[in-house]
Amino acid sequence: MNRVASWGWEASLGSGMPMTPVRELIPVLQVAIGSVILISGVGLLLLALTNRYGRTIDRARQLKRELRELAGADRERLEGQIEILYRRARLIRLSIPLAGVSMLLASVLIIVLFLTASWKLEVGLLISLLFIACMVALSGSLVAFIRDMNLSLGALRLELGLQKAKE
């Protein structure tokens, strides 16, 4: 019994399915590395976003407890901060799934790259569309993240009593 048959691969060798040589997969690996790095970077973005989301929710709850004891201008200031925190939480909540979709699309892109190389298919349009969709989702996530950063500055303005918060 030869070595390939001892591993139970005789069915795939005898089935007529073309085997892709390793030398043809190396360029696919090189192309896929970009997507792997993207997944890693978006993972770090997700970590930052989930931390911001948790802190935003905790801060809003804390301010809501403090609000019960205040009246007048202090109460209005806290209500303004709570409103900003709510909008920030909504933006972060939007940003997190968009980043997740970007990671998912990058993963699917890697799978498609290897399947097309293995099966010797020409699906350049599909690969392009997957990459574009991945970048659109990531861009949407980053836009929401930047908007959250701007809102957090508005909340700081209110807390410090510098001026009215700007949108």
N, C-alpha and C. Protein backbone atom coordinates (compact mmCIF):
# COMPACT_ATOMS: atom_id res chain seq x y z
N MET A 1 0.86 -1.18 0.00
CA MET A 1 0.00 0.00 0.00
C MET A 1 0.90 1.23 0.00
N ASN A 2 0.61 2.13 -0.91
CA ASN A 2 1.46 3.33 -0.95
C ASN A 2 1.06 4.31 0.14
N ARG A 3 1.89 5.32 0.33
CA ARG A 3 1.69 6.28 1.43
C ARG A 3 0.38 7.06 1.29
N VAL A 4 0.02 7.47 0.07
CA VAL A 4 -1.21 8.22 -0.14
C VAL A 4 -2.42 7.36 0.22
N ALA A 5 -2.41 6.13 -0.21
CA ALA A 5 -3.53 5.24 0.08
C ALA A 5 -3.64 4.98 1.57
N SER A 6 -2.52 4.93 2.27
CA SER A 6 -2.58 4.67 3.71
C SER A 6 -3.21 5.82 4.47
N TRP A 7 -3.24 7.01 3.89
CA TRP A 7 -3.88 8.16 4.55
C TRP A 7 -5.35 8.27 4.17
N GLY A 8 -5.83 7.39 3.33
CA GLY A 8 -7.24 7.40 2.97
C GLY A 8 -7.57 8.40 1.87
N TRP A 9 -6.57 8.80 1.10
CA TRP A 9 -6.82 9.78 0.05
C TRP A 9 -6.98 9.14 -1.32
N GLU A 10 -7.00 7.84 -1.36
CA GLU A 10 -7.06 7.18 -2.66
C GLU A 10 -8.33 7.54 -3.42
N ALA A 11 -9.42 7.83 -2.71
CA ALA A 11 -10.66 8.17 -3.39
C ALA A 11 -10.52 9.51 -4.12
N SER A 12 -9.87 10.47 -3.48
CA SER A 12 -9.74 11.78 -4.13
C SER A 12 -8.75 11.71 -5.29
N LEU A 13 -7.75 10.85 -5.20
CA LEU A 13 -6.79 10.74 -6.29
C LEU A 13 -7.40 10.03 -7.48
N GLY A 14 -8.22 9.04 -7.22
CA GLY A 14 -8.80 8.26 -8.30
C GLY A 14 -10.11 8.83 -8.81
N SER A 15 -10.62 9.90 -8.23
CA SER A 15 -11.93 10.40 -8.61
C SER A 15 -11.88 11.32 -9.82
N GLY A 16 -10.72 11.63 -10.31
CA GLY A 16 -10.62 12.52 -11.45
C GLY A 16 -10.59 13.99 -11.05
N MET A 17 -10.67 14.26 -9.75
CA MET A 17 -10.61 15.64 -9.27
C MET A 17 -9.16 16.13 -9.42
N PRO A 18 -8.95 17.26 -10.09
CA PRO A 18 -7.57 17.70 -10.31
C PRO A 18 -6.93 18.13 -8.99
N MET A 19 -5.71 17.71 -8.81
CA MET A 19 -4.95 18.11 -7.63
C MET A 19 -4.13 19.34 -7.99
N THR A 20 -4.18 20.34 -7.15
CA THR A 20 -3.44 21.57 -7.40
C THR A 20 -2.07 21.45 -6.76
N PRO A 21 -1.02 21.62 -7.55
CA PRO A 21 0.33 21.55 -6.98
C PRO A 21 0.58 22.69 -5.99
N VAL A 22 1.44 22.42 -5.04
CA VAL A 22 1.76 23.41 -4.01
C VAL A 22 2.33 24.68 -4.65
N ARG A 23 3.11 24.55 -5.67
CA ARG A 23 3.71 25.73 -6.31
C ARG A 23 2.64 26.66 -6.88
N GLU A 24 1.46 26.14 -7.20
CA GLU A 24 0.37 26.99 -7.69
C GLU A 24 -0.42 27.61 -6.52
N LEU A 25 -0.32 27.02 -5.34
CA LEU A 25 -1.02 27.56 -4.18
C LEU A 25 -0.24 28.67 -3.48
N ILE A 26 1.07 28.69 -3.69
CA ILE A 26 1.89 29.71 -3.02
C ILE A 26 1.45 31.13 -3.39
N PRO A 27 1.18 31.44 -4.67
CA PRO A 27 0.68 32.80 -4.96
C PRO A 27 -0.67 33.08 -4.29
N VAL A 28 -1.50 32.06 -4.16
CA VAL A 28 -2.80 32.23 -3.49
C VAL A 28 -2.56 32.55 -2.02
N LEU A 29 -1.62 31.86 -1.40
CA LEU A 29 -1.27 32.16 -0.01
C LEU A 29 -0.79 33.59 0.13
N GLN A 30 0.03 34.03 -0.82
CA GLN A 30 0.54 35.40 -0.77
C GLN A 30 -0.59 36.42 -0.88
N VAL A 31 -1.56 36.15 -1.73
CA VAL A 31 -2.70 37.06 -1.88
C VAL A 31 -3.58 37.01 -0.63
N ALA A 32 -3.76 35.83 -0.07
CA ALA A 32 -4.64 35.65 1.09
C ALA A 32 -4.07 36.30 2.34
N ILE A 33 -2.76 36.50 2.40
CA ILE A 33 -2.14 37.09 3.59
C ILE A 33 -2.71 38.48 3.86
N GLY A 34 -2.98 39.24 2.82
CA GLY A 34 -3.57 40.56 3.01
C GLY A 34 -4.90 40.48 3.74
N SER A 35 -5.72 39.52 3.37
CA SER A 35 -7.01 39.34 4.04
C SER A 35 -6.83 38.88 5.48
N VAL A 36 -5.85 38.06 5.72
CA VAL A 36 -5.58 37.59 7.09
C VAL A 36 -5.15 38.76 7.97
N ILE A 37 -4.32 39.63 7.43
CA ILE A 37 -3.89 40.82 8.18
C ILE A 37 -5.09 41.73 8.43
N LEU A 38 -5.95 41.85 7.42
CA LEU A 38 -7.17 42.64 7.58
C LEU A 38 -8.02 42.09 8.72
N ILE A 39 -8.19 40.79 8.77
CA ILE A 39 -8.97 40.16 9.84
C ILE A 39 -8.37 40.48 11.20
N SER A 40 -7.05 40.41 11.30
CA SER A 40 -6.37 40.71 12.55
C SER A 40 -6.60 42.17 12.97
N GLY A 41 -6.45 43.09 12.02
CA GLY A 41 -6.65 44.50 12.32
C GLY A 41 -8.09 44.81 12.72
N VAL A 42 -9.04 44.22 12.01
CA VAL A 42 -10.44 44.46 12.34
C VAL A 42 -10.77 43.84 13.70
N GLY A 43 -10.11 42.74 14.04
CA GLY A 43 -10.29 42.15 15.36
C GLY A 43 -9.88 43.12 16.46
N LEU A 44 -8.79 43.83 16.25
CA LEU A 44 -8.37 44.84 17.23
C LEU A 44 -9.36 46.00 17.28
N LEU A 45 -9.88 46.38 16.12
CA LEU A 45 -10.91 47.43 16.09
C LEU A 45 -12.14 46.98 16.87
N LEU A 46 -12.55 45.73 16.68
CA LEU A 46 -13.70 45.19 17.42
C LEU A 46 -13.45 45.20 18.92
N LEU A 47 -12.24 44.89 19.32
CA LEU A 47 -11.90 44.93 20.75
C LEU A 47 -12.07 46.35 21.29
N ALA A 48 -11.56 47.32 20.57
CA ALA A 48 -11.70 48.71 21.00
C ALA A 48 -13.17 49.13 21.03
N LEU A 49 -13.92 48.73 20.01
CA LEU A 49 -15.34 49.11 19.93
C LEU A 49 -16.15 48.51 21.07
N THR A 50 -15.91 47.24 21.37
CA THR A 50 -16.68 46.61 22.45
C THR A 50 -16.33 47.23 23.80
N ASN A 51 -15.07 47.60 23.97
CA ASN A 51 -14.69 48.29 25.21
C ASN A 51 -15.36 49.65 25.31
N ARG A 52 -15.39 50.39 24.21
CA ARG A 52 -16.05 51.70 24.21
C ARG A 52 -17.55 51.55 24.46
N TYR A 53 -18.13 50.54 23.86
CA TYR A 53 -19.57 50.30 24.04
C TYR A 53 -19.88 50.03 25.52
N GLY A 54 -19.11 49.17 26.13
CA GLY A 54 -19.32 48.85 27.55
C GLY A 54 -19.14 50.07 28.44
N ARG A 55 -18.11 50.85 28.17
CA ARG A 55 -17.87 52.05 28.99
C ARG A 55 -18.98 53.09 28.78
N THR A 56 -19.46 53.21 27.55
CA THR A 56 -20.54 54.16 27.26
C THR A 56 -21.81 53.77 28.00
N ILE A 57 -22.14 52.50 27.97
CA ILE A 57 -23.35 52.01 28.66
C ILE A 57 -23.20 52.22 30.17
N ASP A 58 -22.04 51.85 30.71
CA ASP A 58 -21.82 52.02 32.15
C ASP A 58 -21.91 53.49 32.56
N ARG A 59 -21.32 54.37 31.76
CA ARG A 59 -21.36 55.81 32.08
C ARG A 59 -22.79 56.35 32.02
N ALA A 60 -23.56 55.92 31.03
CA ALA A 60 -24.95 56.37 30.92
C ALA A 60 -25.76 55.92 32.13
N ARG A 61 -25.54 54.70 32.58
CA ARG A 61 -26.25 54.22 33.77
C ARG A 61 -25.85 55.01 35.02
N GLN A 62 -24.57 55.31 35.13
CA GLN A 62 -24.10 56.08 36.27
C GLN A 62 -24.72 57.48 36.27
N LEU A 63 -24.74 58.13 35.12
CA LEU A 63 -25.33 59.47 35.03
C LEU A 63 -26.83 59.43 35.29
N LYS A 64 -27.49 58.37 34.86
CA LYS A 64 -28.93 58.26 35.11
C LYS A 64 -29.21 58.16 36.61
N ARG A 65 -28.36 57.46 37.34
CA ARG A 65 -28.51 57.40 38.81
C ARG A 65 -28.30 58.78 39.44
N GLU A 66 -27.28 59.49 38.96
CA GLU A 66 -27.00 60.83 39.48
C GLU A 66 -28.12 61.81 39.14
N LEU A 67 -28.77 61.61 38.02
CA LEU A 67 -29.81 62.51 37.55
C LEU A 67 -30.99 62.58 38.52
N ARG A 68 -31.27 61.48 39.20
CA ARG A 68 -32.40 61.42 40.13
C ARG A 68 -32.25 62.42 41.28
N GLU A 69 -31.04 62.80 41.60
CA GLU A 69 -30.77 63.66 42.75
C GLU A 69 -30.58 65.13 42.39
N LEU A 70 -30.63 65.46 41.09
CA LEU A 70 -30.33 66.82 40.66
C LEU A 70 -31.57 67.56 40.16
N ALA A 71 -31.47 68.88 40.14
CA ALA A 71 -32.53 69.73 39.59
C ALA A 71 -31.88 70.92 38.90
N GLY A 72 -32.64 71.61 38.07
CA GLY A 72 -32.18 72.84 37.44
C GLY A 72 -31.16 72.63 36.35
N ALA A 73 -30.18 73.53 36.30
CA ALA A 73 -29.17 73.53 35.23
C ALA A 73 -28.31 72.27 35.26
N ASP A 74 -27.99 71.79 36.46
CA ASP A 74 -27.20 70.57 36.55
C ASP A 74 -27.94 69.39 35.94
N ARG A 75 -29.25 69.35 36.18
CA ARG A 75 -30.07 68.27 35.63
C ARG A 75 -30.07 68.33 34.08
N GLU A 76 -30.23 69.53 33.54
CA GLU A 76 -30.23 69.70 32.08
C GLU A 76 -28.89 69.27 31.48
N ARG A 77 -27.81 69.64 32.15
CA ARG A 77 -26.47 69.26 31.68
C ARG A 77 -26.33 67.74 31.63
N LEU A 78 -26.77 67.07 32.70
CA LEU A 78 -26.69 65.61 32.74
C LEU A 78 -27.61 64.96 31.72
N GLU A 79 -28.78 65.52 31.53
CA GLU A 79 -29.68 64.99 30.50
C GLU A 79 -29.06 65.09 29.11
N GLY A 80 -28.36 66.20 28.86
CA GLY A 80 -27.66 66.36 27.59
C GLY A 80 -26.56 65.33 27.42
N GLN A 81 -25.82 65.07 28.48
CA GLN A 81 -24.76 64.06 28.42
C GLN A 81 -25.35 62.66 28.18
N ILE A 82 -26.45 62.36 28.86
CA ILE A 82 -27.08 61.04 28.69
C ILE A 82 -27.57 60.88 27.26
N GLU A 83 -28.13 61.93 26.68
CA GLU A 83 -28.59 61.87 25.29
C GLU A 83 -27.42 61.59 24.34
N ILE A 84 -26.30 62.27 24.59
CA ILE A 84 -25.11 62.05 23.76
C ILE A 84 -24.61 60.61 23.94
N LEU A 85 -24.59 60.13 25.17
CA LEU A 85 -24.14 58.75 25.41
C LEU A 85 -25.04 57.74 24.70
N TYR A 86 -26.33 58.01 24.68
CA TYR A 86 -27.25 57.11 23.97
C TYR A 86 -26.95 57.10 22.48
N ARG A 87 -26.73 58.28 21.90
CA ARG A 87 -26.39 58.34 20.47
C ARG A 87 -25.05 57.65 20.20
N ARG A 88 -24.11 57.83 21.11
CA ARG A 88 -22.81 57.15 20.95
C ARG A 88 -22.98 55.64 20.98
N ALA A 89 -23.78 55.15 21.92
CA ALA A 89 -24.00 53.70 22.02
C ALA A 89 -24.63 53.17 20.74
N ARG A 90 -25.55 53.93 20.17
CA ARG A 90 -26.17 53.49 18.92
C ARG A 90 -25.15 53.45 17.79
N LEU A 91 -24.27 54.45 17.72
CA LEU A 91 -23.23 54.45 16.69
C LEU A 91 -22.26 53.28 16.85
N ILE A 92 -21.86 53.04 18.08
CA ILE A 92 -20.95 51.92 18.32
C ILE A 92 -21.64 50.60 18.01
N ARG A 93 -22.91 50.51 18.38
CA ARG A 93 -23.68 49.30 18.07
C ARG A 93 -23.76 49.09 16.56
N LEU A 94 -23.80 50.13 15.78
CA LEU A 94 -23.76 50.02 14.32
C LEU A 94 -22.37 49.62 13.84
N SER A 95 -21.37 50.21 14.43
CA SER A 95 -19.99 49.98 14.02
C SER A 95 -19.54 48.53 14.26
N ILE A 96 -19.97 47.94 15.37
CA ILE A 96 -19.54 46.58 15.70
C ILE A 96 -20.01 45.55 14.67
N PRO A 97 -21.32 45.51 14.32
CA PRO A 97 -21.71 44.52 13.31
C PRO A 97 -21.10 44.78 11.93
N LEU A 98 -20.88 46.06 11.59
CA LEU A 98 -20.25 46.34 10.30
C LEU A 98 -18.81 45.80 10.28
N ALA A 99 -18.10 45.96 11.37
CA ALA A 99 -16.73 45.41 11.46
C ALA A 99 -16.79 43.88 11.41
N GLY A 100 -17.77 43.30 12.07
CA GLY A 100 -17.93 41.84 12.03
C GLY A 100 -18.23 41.34 10.63
N VAL A 101 -19.08 42.05 9.91
CA VAL A 101 -19.38 41.67 8.52
C VAL A 101 -18.13 41.78 7.67
N SER A 102 -17.33 42.81 7.91
CA SER A 102 -16.08 42.96 7.17
C SER A 102 -15.16 41.75 7.40
N MET A 103 -15.06 41.32 8.66
CA MET A 103 -14.24 40.14 8.97
C MET A 103 -14.80 38.89 8.29
N LEU A 104 -16.11 38.75 8.32
CA LEU A 104 -16.76 37.60 7.69
C LEU A 104 -16.49 37.58 6.19
N LEU A 105 -16.63 38.73 5.54
CA LEU A 105 -16.38 38.80 4.11
C LEU A 105 -14.92 38.52 3.78
N ALA A 106 -14.00 38.98 4.62
CA ALA A 106 -12.57 38.68 4.40
C ALA A 106 -12.32 37.18 4.53
N SER A 107 -13.00 36.55 5.47
CA SER A 107 -12.86 35.09 5.63
C SER A 107 -13.41 34.35 4.42
N VAL A 108 -14.57 34.78 3.95
CA VAL A 108 -15.16 34.16 2.76
C VAL A 108 -14.26 34.38 1.55
N LEU A 109 -13.67 35.56 1.47
CA LEU A 109 -12.74 35.85 0.38
C LEU A 109 -11.56 34.87 0.37
N ILE A 110 -11.01 34.58 1.53
CA ILE A 110 -9.90 33.63 1.62
C ILE A 110 -10.35 32.25 1.15
N ILE A 111 -11.51 31.84 1.61
CA ILE A 111 -12.04 30.52 1.20
C ILE A 111 -12.23 30.48 -0.31
N VAL A 112 -12.83 31.52 -0.88
CA VAL A 112 -13.06 31.56 -2.33
C VAL A 112 -11.74 31.55 -3.08
N LEU A 113 -10.73 32.27 -2.59
CA LEU A 113 -9.43 32.26 -3.25
C LEU A 113 -8.86 30.84 -3.34
N PHE A 114 -8.94 30.10 -2.25
CA PHE A 114 -8.39 28.75 -2.26
C PHE A 114 -9.25 27.79 -3.08
N LEU A 115 -10.54 27.92 -3.02
CA LEU A 115 -11.41 27.05 -3.82
C LEU A 115 -11.22 27.29 -5.30
N THR A 116 -11.10 28.56 -5.68
CA THR A 116 -10.90 28.85 -7.11
C THR A 116 -9.55 28.35 -7.59
N ALA A 117 -8.54 28.43 -6.73
CA ALA A 117 -7.22 27.91 -7.12
C ALA A 117 -7.25 26.39 -7.20
N SER A 118 -7.92 25.76 -6.24
CA SER A 118 -7.98 24.30 -6.23
C SER A 118 -8.79 23.75 -7.39
N TRP A 119 -9.89 24.39 -7.70
CA TRP A 119 -10.78 23.90 -8.76
C TRP A 119 -10.50 24.56 -10.10
N LYS A 120 -9.49 25.45 -10.12
CA LYS A 120 -9.08 26.15 -11.33
C LYS A 120 -10.27 26.87 -11.99
N LEU A 121 -10.95 27.66 -11.19
CA LEU A 121 -12.09 28.44 -11.66
C LEU A 121 -11.66 29.89 -11.90
N GLU A 122 -12.35 30.55 -12.78
CA GLU A 122 -12.11 31.97 -13.04
C GLU A 122 -13.31 32.75 -12.50
N VAL A 123 -13.17 33.30 -11.32
CA VAL A 123 -14.26 34.06 -10.71
C VAL A 123 -13.72 35.39 -10.19
N GLY A 124 -13.01 36.09 -11.05
CA GLY A 124 -12.42 37.37 -10.68
C GLY A 124 -13.46 38.38 -10.22
N LEU A 125 -14.64 38.37 -10.85
CA LEU A 125 -15.69 39.31 -10.47
C LEU A 125 -16.15 39.03 -9.04
N LEU A 126 -16.35 37.77 -8.70
CA LEU A 126 -16.78 37.40 -7.35
C LEU A 126 -15.74 37.83 -6.32
N ILE A 127 -14.48 37.58 -6.61
CA ILE A 127 -13.41 37.97 -5.70
C ILE A 127 -13.38 39.49 -5.53
N SER A 128 -13.52 40.21 -6.63
CA SER A 128 -13.54 41.68 -6.55
C SER A 128 -14.73 42.17 -5.74
N LEU A 129 -15.90 41.61 -5.96
CA LEU A 129 -17.09 42.03 -5.23
C LEU A 129 -16.97 41.73 -3.74
N LEU A 130 -16.41 40.57 -3.40
CA LEU A 130 -16.20 40.25 -1.98
C LEU A 130 -15.27 41.25 -1.32
N PHE A 131 -14.19 41.58 -2.02
CA PHE A 131 -13.24 42.53 -1.45
C PHE A 131 -13.86 43.91 -1.31
N ILE A 132 -14.59 44.35 -2.32
CA ILE A 132 -15.24 45.66 -2.25
C ILE A 132 -16.26 45.69 -1.12
N ALA A 133 -17.06 44.64 -0.99
CA ALA A 133 -18.05 44.59 0.10
C ALA A 133 -17.37 44.61 1.46
N CYS A 134 -16.25 43.92 1.57
CA CYS A 134 -15.48 43.90 2.81
C CYS A 134 -15.02 45.32 3.16
N MET A 135 -14.51 46.03 2.17
CA MET A 135 -14.01 47.39 2.40
C MET A 135 -15.15 48.37 2.68
N VAL A 136 -16.29 48.18 2.03
CA VAL A 136 -17.45 49.06 2.30
C VAL A 136 -17.92 48.87 3.74
N ALA A 137 -18.01 47.61 4.19
CA ALA A 137 -18.42 47.35 5.57
C ALA A 137 -17.42 47.94 6.56
N LEU A 138 -16.13 47.78 6.29
CA LEU A 138 -15.11 48.33 7.17
C LEU A 138 -15.17 49.86 7.16
N SER A 139 -15.38 50.45 6.01
CA SER A 139 -15.48 51.91 5.92
C SER A 139 -16.68 52.41 6.71
N GLY A 140 -17.81 51.73 6.60
CA GLY A 140 -18.98 52.12 7.37
C GLY A 140 -18.72 52.04 8.86
N SER A 141 -18.04 50.99 9.27
CA SER A 141 -17.70 50.83 10.68
C SER A 141 -16.80 51.97 11.16
N LEU A 142 -15.83 52.33 10.35
CA LEU A 142 -14.91 53.41 10.73
C LEU A 142 -15.60 54.77 10.75
N VAL A 143 -16.53 55.00 9.82
CA VAL A 143 -17.26 56.27 9.82
C VAL A 143 -18.08 56.38 11.12
N ALA A 144 -18.75 55.30 11.50
CA ALA A 144 -19.53 55.32 12.74
C ALA A 144 -18.60 55.52 13.95
N PHE A 145 -17.44 54.91 13.91
CA PHE A 145 -16.46 55.06 14.99
C PHE A 145 -15.98 56.51 15.11
N ILE A 146 -15.68 57.13 13.97
CA ILE A 146 -15.24 58.52 13.98
C ILE A 146 -16.36 59.42 14.49
N ARG A 147 -17.58 59.14 14.09
CA ARG A 147 -18.73 59.93 14.57
C ARG A 147 -18.86 59.79 16.09
N ASP A 148 -18.65 58.58 16.60
CA ASP A 148 -18.67 58.35 18.05
C ASP A 148 -17.61 59.19 18.74
N MET A 149 -16.43 59.26 18.16
CA MET A 149 -15.35 60.05 18.75
C MET A 149 -15.75 61.53 18.83
N ASN A 150 -16.38 62.03 17.78
CA ASN A 150 -16.82 63.43 17.79
C ASN A 150 -17.90 63.67 18.84
N LEU A 151 -18.81 62.73 18.99
CA LEU A 151 -19.86 62.87 20.01
C LEU A 151 -19.27 62.83 21.42
N SER A 152 -18.24 62.02 21.60
CA SER A 152 -17.63 61.95 22.94
C SER A 152 -17.00 63.28 23.31
N LEU A 153 -16.49 64.00 22.34
CA LEU A 153 -15.95 65.33 22.60
C LEU A 153 -17.07 66.29 23.00
N GLY A 154 -18.24 66.15 22.35
CA GLY A 154 -19.39 66.97 22.72
C GLY A 154 -19.84 66.70 24.15
N ALA A 155 -19.81 65.45 24.56
CA ALA A 155 -20.16 65.12 25.94
C ALA A 155 -19.16 65.72 26.92
N LEU A 156 -17.89 65.72 26.55
CA LEU A 156 -16.87 66.31 27.40
C LEU A 156 -17.09 67.83 27.54
N ARG A 157 -17.46 68.47 26.43
CA ARG A 157 -17.76 69.91 26.49
C ARG A 157 -18.86 70.18 27.50
N LEU A 158 -19.91 69.37 27.45
CA LEU A 158 -21.02 69.54 28.40
C LEU A 158 -20.58 69.31 29.83
N GLU A 159 -19.80 68.26 30.04
CA GLU A 159 -19.36 67.91 31.39
C GLU A 159 -18.49 69.01 31.98
N LEU A 160 -17.66 69.60 31.15
CA LEU A 160 -16.77 70.65 31.62
C LEU A 160 -17.47 72.01 31.67
N GLY A 161 -18.67 72.07 31.11
CA GLY A 161 -19.43 73.31 31.12
C GLY A 161 -18.85 74.36 30.20
N LEU A 162 -18.14 73.94 29.17
CA LEU A 162 -17.48 74.89 28.26
C LEU A 162 -18.48 75.59 27.34
N GLN A 163 -19.38 74.82 26.76
CA GLN A 163 -20.37 75.37 25.85
C GLN A 163 -21.39 74.29 25.55
N LYS A 164 -22.40 74.65 24.80
CA LYS A 164 -23.39 73.66 24.38
C LYS A 164 -22.70 72.64 23.50
N ALA A 165 -23.16 71.37 23.60
CA ALA A 165 -22.62 70.32 22.74
C ALA A 165 -23.05 70.56 21.30
N LYS A 166 -22.12 70.35 20.39
CA LYS A 166 -22.43 70.48 18.96
C LYS A 166 -22.65 69.09 18.39
N GLU A 167 -23.48 69.02 17.37
CA GLU A 167 -23.79 67.73 16.73
C GLU A 167 -22.58 67.20 16.02
